[in-house]
Amino acid sequence: MPSRIQLAVAVCSAVFTVGTALQNFVVVDQELVATMMRAAGTAEPEAATFTFWFRVIGCGYLLGNALGLLVLRSRSRSLWWTVLAVNATQALGAILIPPSMWSAAFDAHGVWGLLPSAVTDGGALVLVAVMLVRFRTQWGRQAVSSRA
């Protein structure tokens, strides 16, 4: 039977996989990137190249998030560290995404343009904190007790 942390990681991974797919293929398109670049004062002709590499990286996160679903069948150390690394770097998205991207996404799609990234990046931050603070060993084999 999967532990609580395995179930949490699996649920989060499913949500983050969907959120990453929405962000990568629905919210962000070349027109949105061009709008973001104009707002940031960057050369707009680079929008196609930026969009391509954004999607390549997004597909990497899509696969990384999907790997998190394997936690229901495996308690391997390598899977623990992979899930932790994918989520730790995905959590940085909230900081690394330029403000002009958030503005362009909101202008184009309203709050729905912000939601996928906010859920995946913010949720990844919470998941990493839980994995590191509450469960200090792989897959919660020895959950940290609040009792001394």
C-alpha atoms as a PDB file:
ATOM      1  CA  MET A   1       0.000   0.000   0.000  1.00  0.00           C
ATOM      2  CA  PRO A   2       1.406   3.429  -0.932  1.00  0.00           C
ATOM      3  CA  SER A   3       2.370   5.771   1.895  1.00  0.00           C
ATOM      4  CA  ARG A   4       0.780   9.187   2.373  1.00  0.00           C
ATOM      5  CA  ILE A   5       3.728  10.910   0.739  1.00  0.00           C
ATOM      6  CA  GLN A   6       3.545   8.591  -2.266  1.00  0.00           C
ATOM      7  CA  LEU A   7      -0.155   9.374  -2.673  1.00  0.00           C
ATOM      8  CA  ALA A   8       0.505  13.114  -2.308  1.00  0.00           C
ATOM      9  CA  VAL A   9       3.289  12.983  -4.904  1.00  0.00           C
ATOM     10  CA  ALA A  10       1.115  10.977  -7.310  1.00  0.00           C
ATOM     11  CA  VAL A  11      -1.827  13.390  -7.021  1.00  0.00           C
ATOM     12  CA  CYS A  12       0.441  16.423  -7.353  1.00  0.00           C
ATOM     13  CA  SER A  13       2.227  14.853 -10.318  1.00  0.00           C
ATOM     14  CA  ALA A  14      -1.079  14.263 -12.104  1.00  0.00           C
ATOM     15  CA  VAL A  15      -2.194  17.860 -11.477  1.00  0.00           C
ATOM     16  CA  PHE A  16       1.207  19.277 -12.444  1.00  0.00           C
ATOM     17  CA  THR A  17       1.308  17.200 -15.645  1.00  0.00           C
ATOM     18  CA  VAL A  18      -2.034  18.635 -16.740  1.00  0.00           C
ATOM     19  CA  GLY A  19      -1.031  22.158 -15.675  1.00  0.00           C
ATOM     20  CA  THR A  20       2.278  21.952 -17.523  1.00  0.00           C
ATOM     21  CA  ALA A  21       0.546  20.708 -20.677  1.00  0.00           C
ATOM     22  CA  LEU A  22      -1.969  23.563 -20.507  1.00  0.00           C
ATOM     23  CA  GLN A  23       0.765  26.141 -19.936  1.00  0.00           C
ATOM     24  CA  ASN A  24       2.989  24.719 -22.640  1.00  0.00           C
ATOM     25  CA  PHE A  25       0.437  24.197 -25.412  1.00  0.00           C
ATOM     26  CA  VAL A  26      -2.663  26.285 -24.632  1.00  0.00           C
ATOM     27  CA  VAL A  27      -1.642  29.405 -22.715  1.00  0.00           C
ATOM     28  CA  VAL A  28       1.746  30.169 -24.257  1.00  0.00           C
ATOM     29  CA  ASP A  29       1.875  30.582 -28.015  1.00  0.00           C
ATOM     30  CA  GLN A  30       4.055  32.611 -30.328  1.00  0.00           C
ATOM     31  CA  GLU A  31       1.673  35.586 -30.255  1.00  0.00           C
ATOM     32  CA  LEU A  32       1.728  35.668 -26.441  1.00  0.00           C
ATOM     33  CA  VAL A  33       5.524  35.498 -26.447  1.00  0.00           C
ATOM     34  CA  ALA A  34       5.703  38.334 -29.000  1.00  0.00           C
ATOM     35  CA  THR A  35       3.403  40.433 -26.774  1.00  0.00           C
ATOM     36  CA  MET A  36       5.607  39.650 -23.778  1.00  0.00           C
ATOM     37  CA  MET A  37       8.737  40.608 -25.710  1.00  0.00           C
ATOM     38  CA  ARG A  38       7.221  43.914 -26.857  1.00  0.00           C
ATOM     39  CA  ALA A  39       6.268  44.712 -23.253  1.00  0.00           C
ATOM     40  CA  ALA A  40       9.793  43.859 -22.085  1.00  0.00           C
ATOM     41  CA  GLY A  41      11.421  45.870 -24.880  1.00  0.00           C
ATOM     42  CA  THR A  42      13.024  42.810 -26.504  1.00  0.00           C
ATOM     43  CA  ALA A  43      13.251  42.113 -30.226  1.00  0.00           C
ATOM     44  CA  GLU A  44       9.999  40.524 -31.314  1.00  0.00           C
ATOM     45  CA  PRO A  45      11.478  38.409 -34.172  1.00  0.00           C
ATOM     46  CA  GLU A  46      12.982  36.175 -31.479  1.00  0.00           C
ATOM     47  CA  ALA A  47       9.488  35.079 -30.411  1.00  0.00           C
ATOM     48  CA  ALA A  48       9.510  31.942 -32.584  1.00  0.00           C
ATOM     49  CA  THR A  49      12.846  30.769 -31.194  1.00  0.00           C
ATOM     50  CA  PHE A  50      11.831  31.548 -27.606  1.00  0.00           C
ATOM     51  CA  THR A  51       8.512  29.732 -28.050  1.00  0.00           C
ATOM     52  CA  PHE A  52      10.270  26.678 -29.480  1.00  0.00           C
ATOM     53  CA  TRP A  53      12.735  26.410 -26.585  1.00  0.00           C
ATOM     54  CA  PHE A  54      10.022  27.211 -24.038  1.00  0.00           C
ATOM     55  CA  ARG A  55       8.043  24.239 -25.356  1.00  0.00           C
ATOM     56  CA  VAL A  56      11.098  21.950 -25.396  1.00  0.00           C
ATOM     57  CA  ILE A  57      11.753  22.757 -21.741  1.00  0.00           C
ATOM     58  CA  GLY A  58       8.039  22.458 -20.994  1.00  0.00           C
ATOM     59  CA  CYS A  59       7.984  18.971 -22.526  1.00  0.00           C
ATOM     60  CA  GLY A  60      10.876  18.027 -20.236  1.00  0.00           C
ATOM     61  CA  TYR A  61       8.804  19.128 -17.250  1.00  0.00           C
ATOM     62  CA  LEU A  62       5.786  17.343 -18.675  1.00  0.00           C
ATOM     63  CA  LEU A  63       7.778  14.090 -18.699  1.00  0.00           C
ATOM     64  CA  GLY A  64       9.302  14.832 -15.300  1.00  0.00           C
ATOM     65  CA  ASN A  65       5.887  15.435 -13.769  1.00  0.00           C
ATOM     66  CA  ALA A  66       4.510  12.299 -15.395  1.00  0.00           C
ATOM     67  CA  LEU A  67       7.397  10.301 -13.879  1.00  0.00           C
ATOM     68  CA  GLY A  68       6.010  11.278 -10.496  1.00  0.00           C
ATOM     69  CA  LEU A  69       3.056   8.987 -11.187  1.00  0.00           C
ATOM     70  CA  LEU A  70       5.436   6.023 -10.924  1.00  0.00           C
ATOM     71  CA  VAL A  71       5.615   6.567  -7.162  1.00  0.00           C
ATOM     72  CA  LEU A  72       2.538   4.377  -6.801  1.00  0.00           C
ATOM     73  CA  ARG A  73       4.582   1.406  -7.992  1.00  0.00           C
ATOM     74  CA  SER A  74       8.120   2.222  -6.903  1.00  0.00           C
ATOM     75  CA  ARG A  75       9.928   3.473  -3.814  1.00  0.00           C
ATOM     76  CA  SER A  76      13.331   3.789  -5.452  1.00  0.00           C
ATOM     77  CA  ARG A  77      15.816   6.372  -4.250  1.00  0.00           C
ATOM     78  CA  SER A  78      16.435   7.570  -7.794  1.00  0.00           C
ATOM     79  CA  LEU A  79      12.719   8.234  -8.295  1.00  0.00           C
ATOM     80  CA  TRP A  80      12.590  10.203  -5.008  1.00  0.00           C
ATOM     81  CA  TRP A  81      15.479  12.431  -6.100  1.00  0.00           C
ATOM     82  CA  THR A  82      14.107  12.812  -9.631  1.00  0.00           C
ATOM     83  CA  VAL A  83      10.707  13.910  -8.321  1.00  0.00           C
ATOM     84  CA  LEU A  84      12.373  16.253  -5.846  1.00  0.00           C
ATOM     85  CA  ALA A  85      14.628  17.794  -8.537  1.00  0.00           C
ATOM     86  CA  VAL A  86      11.805  18.239 -11.062  1.00  0.00           C
ATOM     87  CA  ASN A  87       9.582  19.919  -8.490  1.00  0.00           C
ATOM     88  CA  ALA A  88      12.351  22.038  -6.964  1.00  0.00           C
ATOM     89  CA  THR A  89      13.294  23.455 -10.354  1.00  0.00           C
ATOM     90  CA  GLN A  90       9.667  23.846 -11.407  1.00  0.00           C
ATOM     91  CA  ALA A  91       9.013  25.844  -8.236  1.00  0.00           C
ATOM     92  CA  LEU A  92      11.604  28.345  -9.476  1.00  0.00           C
ATOM     93  CA  GLY A  93       9.284  29.177 -12.369  1.00  0.00           C
ATOM     94  CA  ALA A  94       7.391  31.692 -10.255  1.00  0.00           C
ATOM     95  CA  ILE A  95      10.645  33.606  -9.783  1.00  0.00           C
ATOM     96  CA  LEU A  96      12.228  33.044 -13.198  1.00  0.00           C
ATOM     97  CA  ILE A  97       9.186  33.842 -15.337  1.00  0.00           C
ATOM     98  CA  PRO A  98       9.496  37.518 -16.274  1.00  0.00           C
ATOM     99  CA  PRO A  99       6.670  39.817 -15.090  1.00  0.00           C
ATOM    100  CA  SER A 100       5.887  40.654 -18.710  1.00  0.00           C
ATOM    101  CA  MET A 101       4.922  36.997 -19.293  1.00  0.00           C
ATOM    102  CA  TRP A 102       2.444  37.071 -16.393  1.00  0.00           C
ATOM    103  CA  SER A 103       0.962  40.332 -17.723  1.00  0.00           C
ATOM    104  CA  ALA A 104       0.709  39.025 -21.286  1.00  0.00           C
ATOM    105  CA  ALA A 105      -0.911  35.777 -20.129  1.00  0.00           C
ATOM    106  CA  PHE A 106      -3.425  37.693 -18.005  1.00  0.00           C
ATOM    107  CA  ASP A 107      -4.227  40.107 -20.836  1.00  0.00           C
ATOM    108  CA  ALA A 108      -4.725  37.246 -23.310  1.00  0.00           C
ATOM    109  CA  HIS A 109      -6.573  34.731 -21.131  1.00  0.00           C
ATOM    110  CA  GLY A 110      -7.553  36.441 -17.886  1.00  0.00           C
ATOM    111  CA  VAL A 111      -6.989  34.517 -14.675  1.00  0.00           C
ATOM    112  CA  TRP A 112      -7.085  31.249 -16.664  1.00  0.00           C
ATOM    113  CA  GLY A 113      -3.801  32.293 -18.268  1.00  0.00           C
ATOM    114  CA  LEU A 114      -2.144  32.489 -14.851  1.00  0.00           C
ATOM    115  CA  LEU A 115      -3.700  29.447 -13.234  1.00  0.00           C
ATOM    116  CA  PRO A 116      -1.696  26.575 -14.799  1.00  0.00           C
ATOM    117  CA  SER A 117       1.666  28.116 -13.973  1.00  0.00           C
ATOM    118  CA  ALA A 118       0.564  29.330 -10.548  1.00  0.00           C
ATOM    119  CA  VAL A 119      -0.696  25.848  -9.636  1.00  0.00           C
ATOM    120  CA  THR A 120       2.325  23.971 -10.992  1.00  0.00           C
ATOM    121  CA  ASP A 121       4.983  26.367  -9.697  1.00  0.00           C
ATOM    122  CA  GLY A 122       3.320  27.135  -6.366  1.00  0.00           C
ATOM    123  CA  GLY A 123       2.234  23.545  -5.858  1.00  0.00           C
ATOM    124  CA  ALA A 124       5.735  22.295  -6.616  1.00  0.00           C
ATOM    125  CA  LEU A 125       7.121  24.621  -3.945  1.00  0.00           C
ATOM    126  CA  VAL A 126       4.676  23.228  -1.384  1.00  0.00           C
ATOM    127  CA  LEU A 127       5.389  19.633  -2.419  1.00  0.00           C
ATOM    128  CA  VAL A 128       9.163  20.136  -2.129  1.00  0.00           C
ATOM    129  CA  ALA A 129       8.713  21.669   1.323  1.00  0.00           C
ATOM    130  CA  VAL A 130       6.614  18.699   2.445  1.00  0.00           C
ATOM    131  CA  MET A 131       9.107  16.218   1.005  1.00  0.00           C
ATOM    132  CA  LEU A 132      12.048  17.901   2.731  1.00  0.00           C
ATOM    133  CA  VAL A 133      10.514  19.007   6.015  1.00  0.00           C
ATOM    134  CA  ARG A 134       7.912  16.407   6.885  1.00  0.00           C
ATOM    135  CA  PHE A 135       9.522  13.384   5.246  1.00  0.00           C
ATOM    136  CA  ARG A 136      13.287  13.611   5.514  1.00  0.00           C
ATOM    137  CA  THR A 137      13.906  10.146   4.135  1.00  0.00           C
ATOM    138  CA  GLN A 138      12.870   8.715   0.805  1.00  0.00           C
ATOM    139  CA  TRP A 139       9.152   7.966   0.616  1.00  0.00           C
ATOM    140  CA  GLY A 140       8.572   8.675   4.282  1.00  0.00           C
ATOM    141  CA  ARG A 141      10.070   5.460   5.536  1.00  0.00           C
ATOM    142  CA  GLN A 142      10.686   7.318   8.767  1.00  0.00           C
ATOM    143  CA  ALA A 143       8.346  10.283   8.915  1.00  0.00           C
ATOM    144  CA  VAL A 144       9.636  12.978  11.221  1.00  0.00           C
ATOM    145  CA  SER A 145       7.682  12.861  14.454  1.00  0.00           C
ATOM    146  CA  SER A 146       6.675  15.995  16.335  1.00  0.00           C
ATOM    147  CA  ARG A 147       7.249  14.092  19.574  1.00  0.00           C
ATOM    148  CA  ALA A 148      10.676  14.268  21.161  1.00  0.00           C
END
